[in-house]
Amino acid sequence: MPWSSLQIFLRRISTPLRHLISCYALLVALFTLLRLLRVNGAPAIDLANTFAPYWFMPLVVTFPLSIIVTRGGALPAEYARKRLSRLSKTVDGQNALSNPPRWSVLLQICLIAIGLYWFAAPGMYRPVEPPKGETFTVVTFNVQGSNPELKQATDWLLGTAPDLIVLQETAPGYDQRLAPLYDVYAHEDHIEGSARVFSRYAILERDILRIEDEPGLEALRLLLNLGGRELAVYAAHFTLPLKPRAQFDPHADIGPEALLRYDERRRNAQIRRFLAVARVESKPYVVAGDFNMSDASLIYDEVAAQMQDAWRGAGVGAGRTWPVAEAIGLPRVIQPLLRIDYIWHSADLRPTAATVGEAIGSDHLPVTVVFEWRADTT
């Protein structure tokens, strides 16, 4: 296509395209303002925050398009009249095309900078000093309660050989199918149908933490002896941020219909109550589990203000863990959308490596973290 013809084509589509891009930029700017003001409580706003990085991603396309249509529309008026006589009947129409606004381009530059700072910078590579002292490895993994086959998962866990395994959604009857783990790990404790911990280290204490009264939710706290050092391990699984259905249907909780039932209030109340319990912990600790919370959600900042995110300390990239496409009937090429599986820790520990594992039969991916005891920890 000759350059002059391309310019005419750009001018033909520039007005509706610029209007569309400008509307998108204004909507993202409004969302950014609401996020800066930490407005929450409305399901639509909370849902938007959960997927916050994705609202900024189209800027990669809209920003260069804005430049192209702006430059394509900024032709001399006399040249434009000759080339667009067949496209426009009025001089006013031509003048409108030849003077496109540029404010949306500047707005998009600001939004790109904010988006990179909020969502790209935390996942950038940061050199991590190799461990110099004693280390231990923790894996957290939601095995999926309806998982019909656990052999792939148990084989992977045994091959990874962590010191601690924290599982979620271990439905009643899982004991027999997890037998290979019982054969290797000498110590185990669990909350039936919820969280389960396998440990190479002796369990000194066991506590059940009630983090919701009605309808009820519990977390598990174990105090372990790691070669003379005591470590508190919390295993938790918080509920989905959805209004409950009259009849439970796990497939309905991952489909489009679930978006209409989005509600964070119950899950956030559970997390805040858990934080209040963990706040008085006097031992070095790790907290592992399925939080059903995106790291873009506003409640994430409340957790990060109290304990440290091992992935942010030693992981590279977004670290997304859910949903695994093939586990929910989608093409394998689709990647997980959200990071909702976490390993948190106290300041007594330093993560030296953090990785997201492969798909092993669940709709979640496992997370592995290697910790080192800080030199001043006794």
Protein backbone atom coordinates (compact mmCIF):
# COMPACT_ATOMS: atom_id res chain seq x y z
CA MET A 1 0.00 0.00 0.00
CA PRO A 2 1.54 3.39 -1.01
CA TRP A 3 2.30 5.71 1.90
CA SER A 4 -0.26 8.28 0.76
CA SER A 5 -2.98 5.62 0.61
CA LEU A 6 -2.00 4.42 4.09
CA GLN A 7 -2.29 7.97 5.39
CA ILE A 8 -5.76 8.30 3.89
CA PHE A 9 -6.78 5.00 5.46
CA LEU A 10 -5.45 6.16 8.83
CA ARG A 11 -7.35 9.40 8.57
CA ARG A 12 -10.52 7.50 7.70
CA ILE A 13 -10.38 5.41 10.86
CA SER A 14 -8.64 7.93 13.09
CA THR A 15 -11.72 9.60 14.56
CA PRO A 16 -13.59 6.50 15.81
CA LEU A 17 -10.31 4.87 16.82
CA ARG A 18 -9.15 7.90 18.78
CA HIS A 19 -12.53 8.13 20.50
CA LEU A 20 -12.34 4.48 21.48
CA ILE A 21 -8.77 4.79 22.79
CA SER A 22 -9.61 7.98 24.68
CA CYS A 23 -12.58 6.33 26.40
CA TYR A 24 -10.41 3.38 27.39
CA ALA A 25 -7.69 5.68 28.78
CA LEU A 26 -10.26 7.63 30.81
CA LEU A 27 -11.71 4.44 32.27
CA VAL A 28 -8.25 3.17 33.28
CA ALA A 29 -7.45 6.59 34.76
CA LEU A 30 -10.67 6.46 36.81
CA PHE A 31 -9.80 2.94 38.00
CA THR A 32 -6.29 4.13 38.90
CA LEU A 33 -7.71 6.99 40.95
CA LEU A 34 -10.09 4.67 42.82
CA ARG A 35 -7.19 2.31 43.52
CA LEU A 36 -4.98 5.14 44.78
CA LEU A 37 -7.81 6.17 47.11
CA ARG A 38 -8.17 2.49 48.12
CA VAL A 39 -11.88 2.49 47.39
CA ASN A 40 -13.26 -0.98 48.05
CA GLY A 41 -16.34 -2.83 49.22
CA ALA A 42 -18.26 -2.66 45.95
CA PRO A 43 -18.06 -6.06 44.18
CA ALA A 44 -17.40 -4.49 40.77
CA ILE A 45 -14.47 -2.43 42.08
CA ASP A 46 -13.06 -5.36 44.07
CA LEU A 47 -13.29 -7.60 41.03
CA ALA A 48 -11.53 -4.96 38.92
CA ASN A 49 -8.71 -4.83 41.48
CA THR A 50 -8.35 -8.61 41.42
CA PHE A 51 -7.54 -8.44 37.71
CA ALA A 52 -5.89 -5.01 37.89
CA PRO A 53 -2.80 -5.76 35.74
CA TYR A 54 -4.98 -6.82 32.84
CA TRP A 55 -6.68 -3.41 32.61
CA PHE A 56 -3.29 -1.83 31.91
CA MET A 57 -2.05 -4.39 29.38
CA PRO A 58 -3.95 -2.97 26.34
CA LEU A 59 -1.85 0.19 26.71
CA VAL A 60 0.90 -1.72 24.95
CA VAL A 61 -1.30 -1.59 21.84
CA THR A 62 -3.33 1.59 22.32
CA PHE A 63 -0.32 3.84 22.99
CA PRO A 64 1.48 3.19 19.68
CA LEU A 65 -1.88 3.30 17.89
CA SER A 66 -2.48 6.75 19.36
CA ILE A 67 0.88 7.91 18.02
CA ILE A 68 0.17 6.44 14.58
CA VAL A 69 -3.29 7.96 14.16
CA THR A 70 -2.11 11.30 15.56
CA ARG A 71 0.79 11.52 13.13
CA GLY A 72 -1.37 10.19 10.31
CA GLY A 73 -3.96 12.86 11.02
CA ALA A 74 -1.53 15.76 11.29
CA LEU A 75 -1.13 16.43 7.57
CA PRO A 76 -1.07 19.93 6.03
CA ALA A 77 -4.58 21.21 5.44
CA GLU A 78 -4.07 21.85 1.71
CA TYR A 79 -2.74 18.31 1.13
CA ALA A 80 -5.54 16.86 3.22
CA ARG A 81 -8.20 18.69 1.15
CA LYS A 82 -6.84 17.22 -2.06
CA ARG A 83 -6.60 13.66 -0.76
CA LEU A 84 -9.83 13.59 1.26
CA SER A 85 -12.21 15.36 -1.07
CA ARG A 86 -13.96 12.05 -1.71
CA LEU A 87 -14.21 11.24 2.02
CA SER A 88 -15.49 14.51 3.39
CA LYS A 89 -17.88 17.15 2.08
CA THR A 90 -17.26 19.90 4.60
CA VAL A 91 -14.20 21.92 5.48
CA ASP A 92 -15.10 21.63 9.14
CA GLY A 93 -14.92 17.86 8.89
CA GLN A 94 -11.48 18.10 7.32
CA ASN A 95 -10.23 20.47 9.99
CA ALA A 96 -11.49 18.17 12.68
CA LEU A 97 -9.54 15.32 11.13
CA SER A 98 -6.37 17.35 10.67
CA ASN A 99 -6.17 18.45 14.30
CA PRO A 100 -6.51 15.35 16.51
CA PRO A 101 -6.24 15.86 20.31
CA ARG A 102 -3.07 14.63 22.04
CA TRP A 103 -4.15 14.56 25.68
CA SER A 104 -4.96 10.84 25.55
CA VAL A 105 -1.38 10.11 24.44
CA LEU A 106 0.00 11.95 27.48
CA LEU A 107 -2.52 10.24 29.75
CA GLN A 108 -1.48 6.83 28.46
CA ILE A 109 2.19 7.63 29.14
CA CYS A 110 1.30 8.33 32.78
CA LEU A 111 -0.80 5.15 33.01
CA ILE A 112 2.00 3.03 31.52
CA ALA A 113 4.42 4.39 34.13
CA ILE A 114 1.97 3.64 36.96
CA GLY A 115 1.20 0.16 35.63
CA LEU A 116 4.88 -0.73 35.33
CA TYR A 117 5.55 0.48 38.87
CA TRP A 118 2.59 -1.35 40.37
CA PHE A 119 2.61 -4.64 38.51
CA ALA A 120 5.82 -5.12 36.53
CA ALA A 121 8.50 -3.87 38.93
CA PRO A 122 7.65 -6.36 41.75
CA GLY A 123 8.17 -9.31 39.40
CA MET A 124 11.47 -8.15 37.91
CA TYR A 125 14.61 -10.18 38.49
CA ARG A 126 16.50 -9.27 41.64
CA PRO A 127 19.80 -10.99 42.42
CA VAL A 128 19.42 -13.21 45.46
CA GLU A 129 22.47 -14.03 47.53
CA PRO A 130 23.02 -17.81 47.69
CA PRO A 131 22.46 -19.41 51.09
CA LYS A 132 25.45 -19.63 53.40
CA GLY A 133 23.84 -21.42 56.31
CA GLU A 134 21.15 -23.99 57.05
CA THR A 135 18.18 -24.13 54.70
CA PHE A 136 14.85 -25.93 54.45
CA THR A 137 12.35 -26.22 51.61
CA VAL A 138 8.59 -25.68 51.74
CA VAL A 139 5.98 -26.60 49.10
CA THR A 140 2.38 -25.44 49.13
CA PHE A 141 -0.10 -27.07 46.78
CA ASN A 142 -3.88 -27.16 46.40
CA VAL A 143 -4.43 -30.73 45.17
CA GLN A 144 -8.06 -29.97 44.15
CA GLY A 145 -10.71 -31.75 46.17
CA SER A 146 -12.29 -33.38 43.13
CA ASN A 147 -8.95 -34.59 41.75
CA PRO A 148 -9.57 -38.20 40.64
CA GLU A 149 -5.88 -39.09 40.41
CA LEU A 150 -3.13 -38.05 42.81
CA LYS A 151 -0.27 -40.25 41.58
CA GLN A 152 1.14 -37.52 39.35
CA ALA A 153 1.07 -35.08 42.26
CA THR A 154 2.62 -37.45 44.80
CA ASP A 155 5.34 -38.44 42.31
CA TRP A 156 6.21 -34.79 41.74
CA LEU A 157 6.25 -34.03 45.46
CA LEU A 158 8.49 -36.99 46.18
CA GLY A 159 10.80 -35.98 43.34
CA THR A 160 11.01 -32.41 44.64
CA ALA A 161 11.68 -33.79 48.14
CA PRO A 162 10.84 -30.70 50.22
CA ASP A 163 11.21 -30.70 53.99
CA LEU A 164 7.64 -29.46 54.48
CA ILE A 165 4.58 -30.04 52.32
CA VAL A 166 1.42 -28.04 52.92
CA LEU A 167 -1.59 -29.33 50.98
CA GLN A 168 -5.08 -27.88 50.64
CA GLU A 169 -8.41 -29.46 49.65
CA THR A 170 -7.37 -32.90 50.86
CA ALA A 171 -10.87 -34.30 50.81
CA PRO A 172 -11.97 -37.12 53.14
CA GLY A 173 -10.54 -40.40 51.93
CA TYR A 174 -7.31 -38.88 50.61
CA ASP A 175 -5.17 -40.71 53.19
CA GLN A 176 -4.97 -43.89 51.15
CA ARG A 177 -4.08 -42.06 47.93
CA LEU A 178 -1.41 -40.04 49.74
CA ALA A 179 0.18 -43.21 51.12
CA PRO A 180 3.51 -42.63 49.30
CA LEU A 181 3.95 -39.40 51.27
CA TYR A 182 3.22 -41.14 54.57
CA ASP A 183 5.94 -43.67 53.70
CA VAL A 184 8.56 -40.91 53.38
CA TYR A 185 7.50 -38.23 55.85
CA ALA A 186 7.59 -39.29 59.47
CA HIS A 187 5.31 -36.54 60.76
CA GLU A 188 1.87 -35.48 59.54
CA ASP A 189 -1.08 -33.50 60.81
CA HIS A 190 -4.21 -32.13 59.20
CA ILE A 191 -7.65 -30.64 59.41
CA GLU A 192 -9.95 -33.15 57.76
CA GLY A 193 -11.02 -32.04 54.31
CA SER A 194 -8.98 -28.83 54.49
CA ALA A 195 -5.22 -28.46 55.09
CA ARG A 196 -2.62 -31.19 55.59
CA VAL A 197 1.06 -30.87 56.54
CA PHE A 198 3.79 -33.46 55.92
CA SER A 199 7.04 -32.79 57.76
CA ARG A 200 10.50 -34.32 58.09
CA TYR A 201 10.74 -32.60 61.47
CA ALA A 202 9.11 -33.52 64.75
CA ILE A 203 5.89 -31.77 65.72
CA LEU A 204 6.18 -30.20 69.17
CA GLU A 205 2.78 -28.49 69.38
CA ARG A 206 -0.50 -28.51 67.48
CA ASP A 207 -3.20 -25.84 67.53
CA ILE A 208 -6.43 -25.44 65.60
CA LEU A 209 -7.20 -21.78 64.93
CA ARG A 210 -10.78 -20.78 64.41
CA ILE A 211 -10.78 -17.92 61.94
CA GLU A 212 -14.52 -17.84 61.29
CA ASP A 213 -17.44 -18.60 63.59
CA GLU A 214 -20.30 -19.08 61.10
CA PRO A 215 -20.39 -21.16 58.98
CA GLY A 216 -16.92 -21.87 60.31
CA LEU A 217 -13.35 -22.08 59.04
CA GLU A 218 -10.17 -23.30 60.72
CA ALA A 219 -6.44 -23.03 60.12
CA LEU A 220 -3.71 -25.32 61.44
CA ARG A 221 -0.66 -24.22 63.45
CA LEU A 222 2.19 -26.62 64.10
CA LEU A 223 5.39 -25.94 66.05
CA LEU A 224 8.26 -27.94 64.60
CA ASN A 225 11.76 -28.76 65.82
CA LEU A 226 14.22 -28.05 63.01
CA GLY A 227 17.50 -29.32 64.38
CA GLY A 228 17.14 -27.43 67.64
CA ARG A 229 15.40 -24.40 66.12
CA GLU A 230 11.67 -23.97 66.56
CA LEU A 231 9.52 -23.03 63.57
CA ALA A 232 5.79 -22.28 63.59
CA VAL A 233 4.02 -23.49 60.44
CA TYR A 234 0.56 -22.21 59.56
CA ALA A 235 -1.55 -24.04 56.99
CA ALA A 236 -4.59 -22.14 55.74
CA HIS A 237 -7.17 -22.25 52.98
CA PHE A 238 -9.48 -19.27 52.71
CA THR A 239 -12.83 -19.35 50.94
CA LEU A 240 -13.56 -18.19 47.42
CA PRO A 241 -14.64 -14.53 47.19
CA LEU A 242 -18.12 -15.48 46.04
CA LYS A 243 -21.60 -15.31 47.47
CA PRO A 244 -22.58 -18.88 48.35
CA ARG A 245 -24.90 -20.84 46.09
CA ALA A 246 -27.98 -22.64 47.38
CA GLN A 247 -26.40 -25.87 46.14
CA PHE A 248 -22.63 -26.35 45.90
CA ASP A 249 -21.33 -26.77 42.38
CA PRO A 250 -17.52 -26.54 41.99
CA HIS A 251 -17.74 -26.04 38.22
CA ALA A 252 -19.99 -23.00 38.66
CA ASP A 253 -17.30 -21.32 40.77
CA ILE A 254 -14.89 -20.94 37.85
CA GLY A 255 -17.28 -19.92 35.06
CA PRO A 256 -18.66 -16.56 33.90
CA GLU A 257 -21.65 -16.92 36.23
CA ALA A 258 -19.27 -16.73 39.19
CA LEU A 259 -18.37 -13.13 38.28
CA LEU A 260 -21.94 -12.10 39.06
CA ARG A 261 -21.56 -13.55 42.57
CA TYR A 262 -18.21 -11.94 43.31
CA ASP A 263 -18.00 -10.76 46.93
CA GLU A 264 -14.79 -10.44 48.97
CA ARG A 265 -16.31 -9.66 52.36
CA ARG A 266 -16.29 -13.15 53.84
CA ARG A 267 -12.79 -14.01 52.62
CA ASN A 268 -11.39 -10.67 53.76
CA ALA A 269 -12.92 -11.13 57.22
CA GLN A 270 -11.24 -14.55 57.46
CA ILE A 271 -7.87 -13.15 56.41
CA ARG A 272 -8.06 -10.26 58.87
CA ARG A 273 -8.99 -12.59 61.71
CA PHE A 274 -6.09 -14.85 60.80
CA LEU A 275 -3.73 -11.87 60.78
CA ALA A 276 -4.89 -10.93 64.26
CA VAL A 277 -4.04 -14.44 65.49
CA ALA A 278 -0.68 -14.56 63.72
CA ARG A 279 0.26 -11.10 64.98
CA VAL A 280 1.06 -12.49 68.44
CA GLU A 281 3.30 -15.28 67.09
CA SER A 282 6.63 -15.22 68.96
CA LYS A 283 8.44 -17.91 66.96
CA PRO A 284 9.90 -17.72 63.47
CA TYR A 285 7.11 -18.79 61.13
CA VAL A 286 5.94 -19.63 57.64
CA VAL A 287 2.35 -19.34 56.43
CA ALA A 288 1.44 -21.48 53.44
CA GLY A 289 -1.81 -22.00 51.64
CA ASP A 290 -4.43 -21.07 49.10
CA PHE A 291 -5.53 -17.54 49.97
CA ASN A 292 -7.97 -17.22 47.04
CA MET A 293 -6.59 -13.69 46.85
CA SER A 294 -4.89 -12.05 43.90
CA ASP A 295 -1.67 -10.20 44.66
CA ALA A 296 -3.35 -7.21 42.98
CA SER A 297 -6.23 -7.22 45.50
CA LEU A 298 -6.19 -4.44 48.08
CA ILE A 299 -6.33 -6.99 50.94
CA TYR A 300 -2.92 -8.24 49.76
CA ASP A 301 -1.33 -5.04 51.06
CA GLU A 302 -2.74 -5.72 54.54
CA VAL A 303 -1.13 -9.16 54.60
CA ALA A 304 2.16 -7.85 53.19
CA ALA A 305 2.27 -5.17 55.90
CA GLN A 306 2.45 -7.90 58.57
CA MET A 307 4.46 -10.72 56.95
CA GLN A 308 6.81 -11.12 54.02
CA ASP A 309 5.87 -12.62 50.65
CA ALA A 310 8.50 -15.25 49.75
CA TRP A 311 7.75 -14.91 46.04
CA ARG A 312 8.40 -11.17 46.11
CA GLY A 313 11.66 -11.93 47.94
CA ALA A 314 13.10 -14.60 45.65
CA GLY A 315 10.73 -15.31 42.76
CA VAL A 316 11.00 -14.03 39.19
CA GLY A 317 8.00 -13.03 37.11
CA ALA A 318 4.31 -12.96 37.95
CA GLY A 319 4.24 -16.37 39.67
CA ARG A 320 0.64 -17.05 38.66
CA THR A 321 -0.75 -20.35 39.94
CA TRP A 322 -4.46 -20.51 38.99
CA PRO A 323 -6.30 -21.75 37.02
CA VAL A 324 -4.46 -24.52 35.20
CA ALA A 325 -6.17 -24.59 31.80
CA GLU A 326 -6.25 -28.34 31.12
CA ALA A 327 -7.66 -29.03 34.59
CA ILE A 328 -10.78 -27.02 33.77
CA GLY A 329 -11.19 -28.16 30.18
CA LEU A 330 -9.40 -25.31 28.38
CA PRO A 331 -6.51 -25.54 25.86
CA ARG A 332 -3.15 -26.08 27.52
CA VAL A 333 -1.70 -23.01 25.81
CA ILE A 334 -3.73 -20.74 28.12
CA GLN A 335 -1.62 -19.67 31.08
CA PRO A 336 -2.81 -19.18 34.70
CA LEU A 337 -4.38 -15.78 35.31
CA LEU A 338 -3.80 -15.10 39.01
CA ARG A 339 -1.35 -15.73 41.83
CA ILE A 340 -3.46 -16.98 44.72
CA ASP A 341 -1.16 -19.58 46.35
CA TYR A 342 1.36 -18.12 48.78
CA ILE A 343 4.16 -18.85 51.20
CA TRP A 344 4.64 -16.02 53.67
CA HIS A 345 7.31 -15.81 56.36
CA SER A 346 8.64 -13.86 59.31
CA ALA A 347 11.74 -11.66 59.21
CA ASP A 348 13.76 -14.45 60.88
CA LEU A 349 13.88 -16.26 57.53
CA ARG A 350 15.27 -15.34 54.12
CA PRO A 351 13.95 -16.90 50.90
CA THR A 352 16.82 -17.88 48.60
CA ALA A 353 14.76 -19.45 45.80
CA ALA A 354 11.09 -19.48 44.82
CA THR A 355 9.58 -21.34 41.88
CA VAL A 356 6.18 -22.28 40.50
CA GLY A 357 5.96 -25.97 39.61
CA GLU A 358 4.44 -27.74 36.65
CA ALA A 359 0.86 -28.84 36.15
CA ILE A 360 0.41 -32.05 38.14
CA GLY A 361 -3.29 -32.82 37.91
CA SER A 362 -4.83 -29.95 39.88
CA ASP A 363 -6.32 -26.62 38.82
CA HIS A 364 -3.53 -25.02 40.88
CA LEU A 365 0.23 -25.03 40.38
CA PRO A 366 2.50 -25.83 43.34
CA VAL A 367 4.85 -23.24 44.82
CA THR A 368 8.29 -24.14 46.20
CA VAL A 369 10.42 -21.88 48.41
CA VAL A 370 13.87 -22.50 49.88
CA PHE A 371 14.47 -20.65 53.16
CA GLU A 372 17.65 -19.82 54.99
CA TRP A 373 17.80 -19.02 58.67
CA ARG A 374 19.13 -15.53 59.18
CA ALA A 375 22.45 -15.41 60.97
CA ASP A 376 21.04 -13.70 64.08
CA THR A 377 18.28 -16.35 64.51
CA THR A 378 18.88 -18.84 67.30
